[in-house]
């Protein structure tokens, strides 16, 4: 499968448990914010929805996140727009 957003940084959470995913998402967002990236992709898969829900919870409360949405073509991936560094 070809990812349409292959030119943006991504993290694949397949096989992660909820707690480890939470830590990795926070670090991934902060690192890319510092690198002044505009968009990132979080691949959480479809499965039972546990990682998708955890991803949403982390993004909802993250001060570096401007917006996020499930990818239109791949419901197992969330596209995140980061705030611009000041």
PDB file of N, CA and C in Angstrom:
ATOM      1  N   UNK A   1       0.841  -1.179   0.000  1.00  0.00           N
ATOM      2  CA  UNK A   1       0.000   0.000   0.000  1.00  0.00           C
ATOM      3  C   UNK A   1       0.883   1.238   0.000  1.00  0.00           C
ATOM      4  N   UNK A   2       0.600   2.159  -0.870  1.00  0.00           N
ATOM      5  CA  UNK A   2       1.355   3.395  -0.945  1.00  0.00           C
ATOM      6  C   UNK A   2       0.677   4.455  -0.085  1.00  0.00           C
ATOM      7  N   UNK A   3       1.441   5.093   0.761  1.00  0.00           N
ATOM      8  CA  UNK A   3       0.909   6.153   1.613  1.00  0.00           C
ATOM      9  C   UNK A   3       1.013   7.469   0.867  1.00  0.00           C
ATOM     10  N   UNK A   4      -0.106   8.171   0.779  1.00  0.00           N
ATOM     11  CA  UNK A   4      -0.123   9.442   0.066  1.00  0.00           C
ATOM     12  C   UNK A   4       0.735  10.499   0.759  1.00  0.00           C
ATOM     13  N   UNK A   5       0.901  10.364   2.047  1.00  0.00           N
ATOM     14  CA  UNK A   5       1.661  11.347   2.810  1.00  0.00           C
ATOM     15  C   UNK A   5       3.066  10.841   3.105  1.00  0.00           C
ATOM     16  N   UNK A   6       3.685  10.187   2.134  1.00  0.00           N
ATOM     17  CA  UNK A   6       4.995   9.581   2.365  1.00  0.00           C
ATOM     18  C   UNK A   6       6.105  10.611   2.553  1.00  0.00           C
ATOM     19  N   UNK A   7       5.838  11.874   2.215  1.00  0.00           N
ATOM     20  CA  UNK A   7       6.867  12.911   2.354  1.00  0.00           C
ATOM     21  C   UNK A   7       6.804  13.618   3.708  1.00  0.00           C
ATOM     22  N   UNK A   8       5.911  13.196   4.596  1.00  0.00           N
ATOM     23  CA  UNK A   8       5.853  13.806   5.920  1.00  0.00           C
ATOM     24  C   UNK A   8       6.295  12.777   6.963  1.00  0.00           C
ATOM     25  N   UNK A   9       6.832  13.250   8.089  1.00  0.00           N
ATOM     26  CA  UNK A   9       7.265  12.324   9.137  1.00  0.00           C
ATOM     27  C   UNK A   9       6.085  11.492   9.644  1.00  0.00           C
ATOM     28  N   UNK A  10       6.356  10.232   9.954  1.00  0.00           N
ATOM     29  CA  UNK A  10       5.288   9.384  10.472  1.00  0.00           C
ATOM     30  C   UNK A  10       5.815   8.468  11.561  1.00  0.00           C
ATOM     31  N   UNK A  11       4.890   7.998  12.385  1.00  0.00           N
ATOM     32  CA  UNK A  11       5.207   7.015  13.414  1.00  0.00           C
ATOM     33  C   UNK A  11       4.171   5.904  13.287  1.00  0.00           C
ATOM     34  N   UNK A  12       4.634   4.665  13.363  1.00  0.00           N
ATOM     35  CA  UNK A  12       3.762   3.506  13.248  1.00  0.00           C
ATOM     36  C   UNK A  12       3.609   2.879  14.635  1.00  0.00           C
ATOM     37  N   UNK A  13       2.383   2.858  15.148  1.00  0.00           N
ATOM     38  CA  UNK A  13       2.122   2.374  16.497  1.00  0.00           C
ATOM     39  C   UNK A  13       1.690   0.906  16.550  1.00  0.00           C
ATOM     40  N   UNK A  14       1.712   0.220  15.431  1.00  0.00           N
ATOM     41  CA  UNK A  14       1.308  -1.190  15.425  1.00  0.00           C
ATOM     42  C   UNK A  14       2.129  -1.975  16.446  1.00  0.00           C
ATOM     43  N   UNK A  15       1.450  -2.730  17.279  1.00  0.00           N
ATOM     44  CA  UNK A  15       2.122  -3.550  18.279  1.00  0.00           C
ATOM     45  C   UNK A  15       2.395  -2.840  19.590  1.00  0.00           C
ATOM     46  N   UNK A  16       2.121  -1.544  19.672  1.00  0.00           N
ATOM     47  CA  UNK A  16       2.352  -0.800  20.910  1.00  0.00           C
ATOM     48  C   UNK A  16       1.168  -1.005  21.845  1.00  0.00           C
ATOM     49  N   UNK A  17       1.420  -0.956  23.166  1.00  0.00           N
ATOM     50  CA  UNK A  17       0.288  -0.909  24.087  1.00  0.00           C
ATOM     51  C   UNK A  17      -0.079   0.562  24.298  1.00  0.00           C
ATOM     52  N   UNK A  18      -1.205   0.786  24.945  1.00  0.00           N
ATOM     53  CA  UNK A  18      -1.744   2.137  25.109  1.00  0.00           C
ATOM     54  C   UNK A  18      -0.759   3.087  25.798  1.00  0.00           C
ATOM     55  N   UNK A  19      -0.132   2.651  26.872  1.00  0.00           N
ATOM     56  CA  UNK A  19       0.779   3.527  27.626  1.00  0.00           C
ATOM     57  C   UNK A  19       2.030   3.888  26.833  1.00  0.00           C
ATOM     58  N   UNK A  20       2.615   2.884  26.164  1.00  0.00           N
ATOM     59  CA  UNK A  20       3.813   3.146  25.363  1.00  0.00           C
ATOM     60  C   UNK A  20       3.476   4.034  24.166  1.00  0.00           C
ATOM     61  N   UNK A  21       2.318   3.821  23.561  1.00  0.00           N
ATOM     62  CA  UNK A  21       1.882   4.662  22.437  1.00  0.00           C
ATOM     63  C   UNK A  21       1.741   6.116  22.871  1.00  0.00           C
ATOM     64  N   UNK A  22       1.187   6.320  24.044  1.00  0.00           N
ATOM     65  CA  UNK A  22       0.992   7.680  24.572  1.00  0.00           C
ATOM     66  C   UNK A  22       2.336   8.420  24.696  1.00  0.00           C
ATOM     67  N   UNK A  23       3.314   7.750  25.257  1.00  0.00           N
ATOM     68  CA  UNK A  23       4.646   8.343  25.429  1.00  0.00           C
ATOM     69  C   UNK A  23       5.275   8.640  24.068  1.00  0.00           C
ATOM     70  N   UNK A  24       5.195   7.677  23.161  1.00  0.00           N
ATOM     71  CA  UNK A  24       5.809   7.842  21.840  1.00  0.00           C
ATOM     72  C   UNK A  24       5.153   8.956  21.035  1.00  0.00           C
ATOM     73  N   UNK A  25       3.841   9.079  21.118  1.00  0.00           N
ATOM     74  CA  UNK A  25       3.134  10.147  20.400  1.00  0.00           C
ATOM     75  C   UNK A  25       3.576  11.505  20.929  1.00  0.00           C
ATOM     76  N   UNK A  26       3.624  11.652  22.228  1.00  0.00           N
ATOM     77  CA  UNK A  26       4.038  12.936  22.826  1.00  0.00           C
ATOM     78  C   UNK A  26       5.453  13.314  22.383  1.00  0.00           C
ATOM     79  N   UNK A  27       6.377  12.364  22.436  1.00  0.00           N
ATOM     80  CA  UNK A  27       7.762  12.628  22.019  1.00  0.00           C
ATOM     81  C   UNK A  27       7.837  12.950  20.525  1.00  0.00           C
ATOM     82  N   UNK A  28       7.104  12.193  19.718  1.00  0.00           N
ATOM     83  CA  UNK A  28       7.080  12.393  18.271  1.00  0.00           C
ATOM     84  C   UNK A  28       6.562  13.795  17.915  1.00  0.00           C
ATOM     85  N   UNK A  29       5.490  14.215  18.562  1.00  0.00           N
ATOM     86  CA  UNK A  29       4.914  15.544  18.314  1.00  0.00           C
ATOM     87  C   UNK A  29       5.905  16.627  18.729  1.00  0.00           C
ATOM     88  N   UNK A  30       6.498  16.506  19.908  1.00  0.00           N
ATOM     89  CA  UNK A  30       7.435  17.525  20.376  1.00  0.00           C
ATOM     90  C   UNK A  30       8.668  17.615  19.478  1.00  0.00           C
ATOM     91  N   UNK A  31       9.212  16.471  19.080  1.00  0.00           N
ATOM     92  CA  UNK A  31      10.391  16.465  18.208  1.00  0.00           C
ATOM     93  C   UNK A  31      10.098  17.161  16.876  1.00  0.00           C
ATOM     94  N   UNK A  32       8.951  16.863  16.277  1.00  0.00           N
ATOM     95  CA  UNK A  32       8.619  17.455  14.984  1.00  0.00           C
ATOM     96  C   UNK A  32       8.224  18.920  15.096  1.00  0.00           C
ATOM     97  N   UNK A  33       7.684  19.314  16.226  1.00  0.00           N
ATOM     98  CA  UNK A  33       7.417  20.733  16.482  1.00  0.00           C
ATOM     99  C   UNK A  33       8.744  21.493  16.526  1.00  0.00           C
ATOM    100  N   UNK A  34       9.719  20.942  17.233  1.00  0.00           N
ATOM    101  CA  UNK A  34      11.044  21.576  17.329  1.00  0.00           C
ATOM    102  C   UNK A  34      11.726  21.642  15.962  1.00  0.00           C
ATOM    103  N   UNK A  35      11.468  20.637  15.116  1.00  0.00           N
ATOM    104  CA  UNK A  35      12.039  20.614  13.765  1.00  0.00           C
ATOM    105  C   UNK A  35      11.251  21.475  12.776  1.00  0.00           C
ATOM    106  N   UNK A  36      10.212  22.144  13.282  1.00  0.00           N
ATOM    107  CA  UNK A  36       9.360  23.061  12.500  1.00  0.00           C
ATOM    108  C   UNK A  36       8.645  22.355  11.347  1.00  0.00           C
ATOM    109  N   UNK A  37       8.242  21.115  11.590  1.00  0.00           N
ATOM    110  CA  UNK A  37       7.455  20.383  10.599  1.00  0.00           C
ATOM    111  C   UNK A  37       6.010  20.885  10.668  1.00  0.00           C
ATOM    112  N   UNK A  38       5.360  20.963   9.521  1.00  0.00           N
ATOM    113  CA  UNK A  38       3.982  21.454   9.485  1.00  0.00           C
ATOM    114  C   UNK A  38       2.979  20.335   9.742  1.00  0.00           C
ATOM    115  N   UNK A  39       3.230  19.169   9.148  1.00  0.00           N
ATOM    116  CA  UNK A  39       2.317  18.034   9.275  1.00  0.00           C
ATOM    117  C   UNK A  39       3.092  16.764   9.610  1.00  0.00           C
ATOM    118  N   UNK A  40       2.422  15.884  10.353  1.00  0.00           N
ATOM    119  CA  UNK A  40       2.956  14.564  10.656  1.00  0.00           C
ATOM    120  C   UNK A  40       1.819  13.550  10.552  1.00  0.00           C
ATOM    121  N   UNK A  41       2.190  12.285  10.413  1.00  0.00           N
ATOM    122  CA  UNK A  41       1.196  11.220  10.326  1.00  0.00           C
ATOM    123  C   UNK A  41       1.422  10.228  11.462  1.00  0.00           C
ATOM    124  N   UNK A  42       0.323   9.816  12.084  1.00  0.00           N
ATOM    125  CA  UNK A  42       0.374   8.794  13.116  1.00  0.00           C
ATOM    126  C   UNK A  42      -0.414   7.595  12.605  1.00  0.00           C
ATOM    127  N   UNK A  43       0.278   6.481  12.429  1.00  0.00           N
ATOM    128  CA  UNK A  43      -0.351   5.266  11.919  1.00  0.00           C
ATOM    129  C   UNK A  43      -0.704   4.399  13.128  1.00  0.00           C
ATOM    130  N   UNK A  44      -1.990   4.306  13.416  1.00  0.00           N
ATOM    131  CA  UNK A  44      -2.453   3.566  14.583  1.00  0.00           C
ATOM    132  C   UNK A  44      -3.179   2.288  14.203  1.00  0.00           C
ATOM    133  N   UNK A  45      -3.492   2.119  12.942  1.00  0.00           N
ATOM    134  CA  UNK A  45      -4.212   0.942  12.496  1.00  0.00           C
ATOM    135  C   UNK A  45      -5.698   1.046  12.794  1.00  0.00           C
ATOM    136  N   UNK A  46      -6.435   0.030  12.375  1.00  0.00           N
ATOM    137  CA  UNK A  46      -7.883   0.038  12.568  1.00  0.00           C
ATOM    138  C   UNK A  46      -8.235  -0.839  13.766  1.00  0.00           C
ATOM    139  N   UNK A  47      -7.991  -2.108  13.698  1.00  0.00           N
ATOM    140  CA  UNK A  47      -8.175  -3.035  14.819  1.00  0.00           C
ATOM    141  C   UNK A  47      -9.397  -2.774  15.665  1.00  0.00           C
ATOM    142  N   UNK A  48      -9.213  -2.809  16.986  1.00  0.00           N
ATOM    143  CA  UNK A  48     -10.314  -2.585  17.922  1.00  0.00           C
ATOM    144  C   UNK A  48     -10.534  -1.104  18.217  1.00  0.00           C
ATOM    145  N   UNK A  49      -9.646  -0.248  17.761  1.00  0.00           N
ATOM    146  CA  UNK A  49      -9.792   1.193  17.953  1.00  0.00           C
ATOM    147  C   UNK A  49      -9.125   1.741  19.194  1.00  0.00           C
ATOM    148  N   UNK A  50      -8.465   0.882  19.957  1.00  0.00           N
ATOM    149  CA  UNK A  50      -7.830   1.344  21.199  1.00  0.00           C
ATOM    150  C   UNK A  50      -6.744   2.374  20.921  1.00  0.00           C
ATOM    151  N   UNK A  51      -5.862   2.095  19.965  1.00  0.00           N
ATOM    152  CA  UNK A  51      -4.775   3.035  19.665  1.00  0.00           C
ATOM    153  C   UNK A  51      -5.303   4.310  19.008  1.00  0.00           C
ATOM    154  N   UNK A  52      -6.348   4.192  18.204  1.00  0.00           N
ATOM    155  CA  UNK A  52      -6.950   5.390  17.593  1.00  0.00           C
ATOM    156  C   UNK A  52      -7.519   6.294  18.684  1.00  0.00           C
ATOM    157  N   UNK A  53      -8.214   5.706  19.638  1.00  0.00           N
ATOM    158  CA  UNK A  53      -8.792   6.494  20.740  1.00  0.00           C
ATOM    159  C   UNK A  53      -7.700   7.136  21.587  1.00  0.00           C
ATOM    160  N   UNK A  54      -6.645   6.396  21.865  1.00  0.00           N
ATOM    161  CA  UNK A  54      -5.538   6.941  22.652  1.00  0.00           C
ATOM    162  C   UNK A  54      -4.839   8.063  21.898  1.00  0.00           C
ATOM    163  N   UNK A  55      -4.666   7.874  20.588  1.00  0.00           N
ATOM    164  CA  UNK A  55      -4.068   8.917  19.750  1.00  0.00           C
ATOM    165  C   UNK A  55      -4.897  10.194  19.824  1.00  0.00           C
ATOM    166  N   UNK A  56      -6.198  10.071  19.694  1.00  0.00           N
ATOM    167  CA  UNK A  56      -7.095  11.228  19.763  1.00  0.00           C
ATOM    168  C   UNK A  56      -6.997  11.924  21.113  1.00  0.00           C
ATOM    169  N   UNK A  57      -6.962  11.156  22.182  1.00  0.00           N
ATOM    170  CA  UNK A  57      -6.863  11.744  23.522  1.00  0.00           C
ATOM    171  C   UNK A  57      -5.562  12.521  23.700  1.00  0.00           C
ATOM    172  N   UNK A  58      -4.459  11.956  23.242  1.00  0.00           N
ATOM    173  CA  UNK A  58      -3.162  12.632  23.362  1.00  0.00           C
ATOM    174  C   UNK A  58      -3.159  13.918  22.544  1.00  0.00           C
ATOM    175  N   UNK A  59      -3.656  13.843  21.302  1.00  0.00           N
ATOM    176  CA  UNK A  59      -3.639  15.012  20.424  1.00  0.00           C
ATOM    177  C   UNK A  59      -4.559  16.107  20.926  1.00  0.00           C
ATOM    178  N   UNK A  60      -5.688  15.727  21.499  1.00  0.00           N
ATOM    179  CA  UNK A  60      -6.673  16.690  21.999  1.00  0.00           C
ATOM    180  C   UNK A  60      -6.080  17.601  23.072  1.00  0.00           C
ATOM    181  N   UNK A  61      -5.147  17.069  23.849  1.00  0.00           N
ATOM    182  CA  UNK A  61      -4.582  17.817  24.983  1.00  0.00           C
ATOM    183  C   UNK A  61      -3.140  18.274  24.758  1.00  0.00           C
ATOM    184  N   UNK A  62      -2.635  18.155  23.538  1.00  0.00           N
ATOM    185  CA  UNK A  62      -1.241  18.514  23.269  1.00  0.00           C
ATOM    186  C   UNK A  62      -1.149  19.964  22.799  1.00  0.00           C
ATOM    187  N   UNK A  63      -0.331  20.759  23.473  1.00  0.00           N
ATOM    188  CA  UNK A  63      -0.244  22.192  23.172  1.00  0.00           C
ATOM    189  C   UNK A  63       0.432  22.500  21.836  1.00  0.00           C
ATOM    190  N   UNK A  64       1.112  21.523  21.241  1.00  0.00           N
ATOM    191  CA  UNK A  64       1.783  21.745  19.961  1.00  0.00           C
ATOM    192  C   UNK A  64       0.901  21.401  18.762  1.00  0.00           C
ATOM    193  N   UNK A  65      -0.260  20.842  19.002  1.00  0.00           N
ATOM    194  CA  UNK A  65      -1.154  20.396  17.930  1.00  0.00           C
ATOM    195  C   UNK A  65      -2.165  21.492  17.597  1.00  0.00           C
ATOM    196  N   UNK A  66      -2.206  21.842  16.316  1.00  0.00           N
ATOM    197  CA  UNK A  66      -3.189  22.811  15.845  1.00  0.00           C
ATOM    198  C   UNK A  66      -4.491  22.108  15.482  1.00  0.00           C
ATOM    199  N   UNK A  67      -4.398  21.012  14.716  1.00  0.00           N
ATOM    200  CA  UNK A  67      -5.583  20.239  14.333  1.00  0.00           C
ATOM    201  C   UNK A  67      -5.155  18.831  13.941  1.00  0.00           C
ATOM    202  N   UNK A  68      -6.146  17.948  13.850  1.00  0.00           N
ATOM    203  CA  UNK A  68      -5.881  16.567  13.444  1.00  0.00           C
ATOM    204  C   UNK A  68      -7.161  15.978  12.868  1.00  0.00           C
ATOM    205  N   UNK A  69      -6.977  14.984  11.994  1.00  0.00           N
ATOM    206  CA  UNK A  69      -8.127  14.304  11.408  1.00  0.00           C
ATOM    207  C   UNK A  69      -7.701  12.938  10.900  1.00  0.00           C
ATOM    208  N   UNK A  70      -8.661  12.038  10.860  1.00  0.00           N
ATOM    209  CA  UNK A  70      -8.426  10.720  10.283  1.00  0.00           C
ATOM    210  C   UNK A  70      -8.246  10.913   8.780  1.00  0.00           C
ATOM    211  N   UNK A  71      -7.261  10.256   8.207  1.00  0.00           N
ATOM    212  CA  UNK A  71      -7.009  10.361   6.769  1.00  0.00           C
ATOM    213  C   UNK A  71      -8.220   9.862   5.977  1.00  0.00           C
ATOM    214  N   UNK A  72      -8.583  10.586   4.936  1.00  0.00           N
ATOM    215  CA  UNK A  72      -9.745  10.229   4.116  1.00  0.00           C
ATOM    216  C   UNK A  72      -9.594   8.887   3.415  1.00  0.00           C
ATOM    217  N   UNK A  73      -8.382   8.502   3.067  1.00  0.00           N
ATOM    218  CA  UNK A  73      -8.149   7.288   2.295  1.00  0.00           C
ATOM    219  C   UNK A  73      -7.682   6.112   3.152  1.00  0.00           C
ATOM    220  N   UNK A  74      -7.320   6.367   4.401  1.00  0.00           N
ATOM    221  CA  UNK A  74      -6.802   5.318   5.273  1.00  0.00           C
ATOM    222  C   UNK A  74      -7.273   5.612   6.698  1.00  0.00           C
ATOM    223  N   UNK A  75      -8.321   4.938   7.119  1.00  0.00           N
ATOM    224  CA  UNK A  75      -8.872   5.213   8.451  1.00  0.00           C
ATOM    225  C   UNK A  75      -7.969   4.717   9.578  1.00  0.00           C
ATOM    226  N   UNK A  76      -6.863   4.092   9.244  1.00  0.00           N
ATOM    227  CA  UNK A  76      -5.892   3.660  10.241  1.00  0.00           C
ATOM    228  C   UNK A  76      -4.768   4.661  10.457  1.00  0.00           C
ATOM    229  N   UNK A  77      -4.964   5.885   9.951  1.00  0.00           N
ATOM    230  CA  UNK A  77      -3.924   6.905  10.062  1.00  0.00           C
ATOM    231  C   UNK A  77      -4.550   8.257  10.383  1.00  0.00           C
ATOM    232  N   UNK A  78      -3.921   8.987  11.278  1.00  0.00           N
ATOM    233  CA  UNK A  78      -4.348  10.334  11.633  1.00  0.00           C
ATOM    234  C   UNK A  78      -3.301  11.320  11.139  1.00  0.00           C
ATOM    235  N   UNK A  79      -3.758  12.369  10.458  1.00  0.00           N
ATOM    236  CA  UNK A  79      -2.887  13.439   9.980  1.00  0.00           C
ATOM    237  C   UNK A  79      -2.976  14.596  10.973  1.00  0.00           C
ATOM    238  N   UNK A  80      -1.827  15.062  11.425  1.00  0.00           N
ATOM    239  CA  UNK A  80      -1.752  16.096  12.438  1.00  0.00           C
ATOM    240  C   UNK A  80      -1.093  17.347  11.867  1.00  0.00           C
ATOM    241  N   UNK A  81      -1.728  18.493  12.069  1.00  0.00           N
ATOM    242  CA  UNK A  81      -1.128  19.779  11.717  1.00  0.00           C
ATOM    243  C   UNK A  81      -0.604  20.399  13.010  1.00  0.00           C
ATOM    244  N   UNK A  82       0.684  20.728  13.004  1.00  0.00           N
ATOM    245  CA  UNK A  82       1.320  21.291  14.189  1.00  0.00           C
ATOM    246  C   UNK A  82       1.262  22.806  14.174  1.00  0.00           C
ATOM    247  N   UNK A  83       1.262  23.393  15.356  1.00  0.00           N
ATOM    248  CA  UNK A  83       1.316  24.850  15.466  1.00  0.00           C
ATOM    249  C   UNK A  83       2.694  25.324  15.007  1.00  0.00           C
ATOM    250  N   UNK A  84       2.768  26.548  14.571  1.00  0.00           N
ATOM    251  CA  UNK A  84       4.048  27.119  14.168  1.00  0.00           C
ATOM    252  C   UNK A  84       4.822  27.571  15.406  1.00  0.00           C
ATOM    253  N   UNK A  85       6.112  27.207  15.475  1.00  0.00           N
ATOM    254  CA  UNK A  85       6.914  27.665  16.622  1.00  0.00           C
ATOM    255  C   UNK A  85       7.010  29.190  16.621  1.00  0.00           C
ATOM    256  N   UNK A  86       7.050  29.754  17.809  1.00  0.00           N
ATOM    257  CA  UNK A  86       7.135  31.217  17.940  1.00  0.00           C
ATOM    258  C   UNK A  86       8.568  31.666  17.899  1.00  0.00           C
TER     259      UNK A  86
END
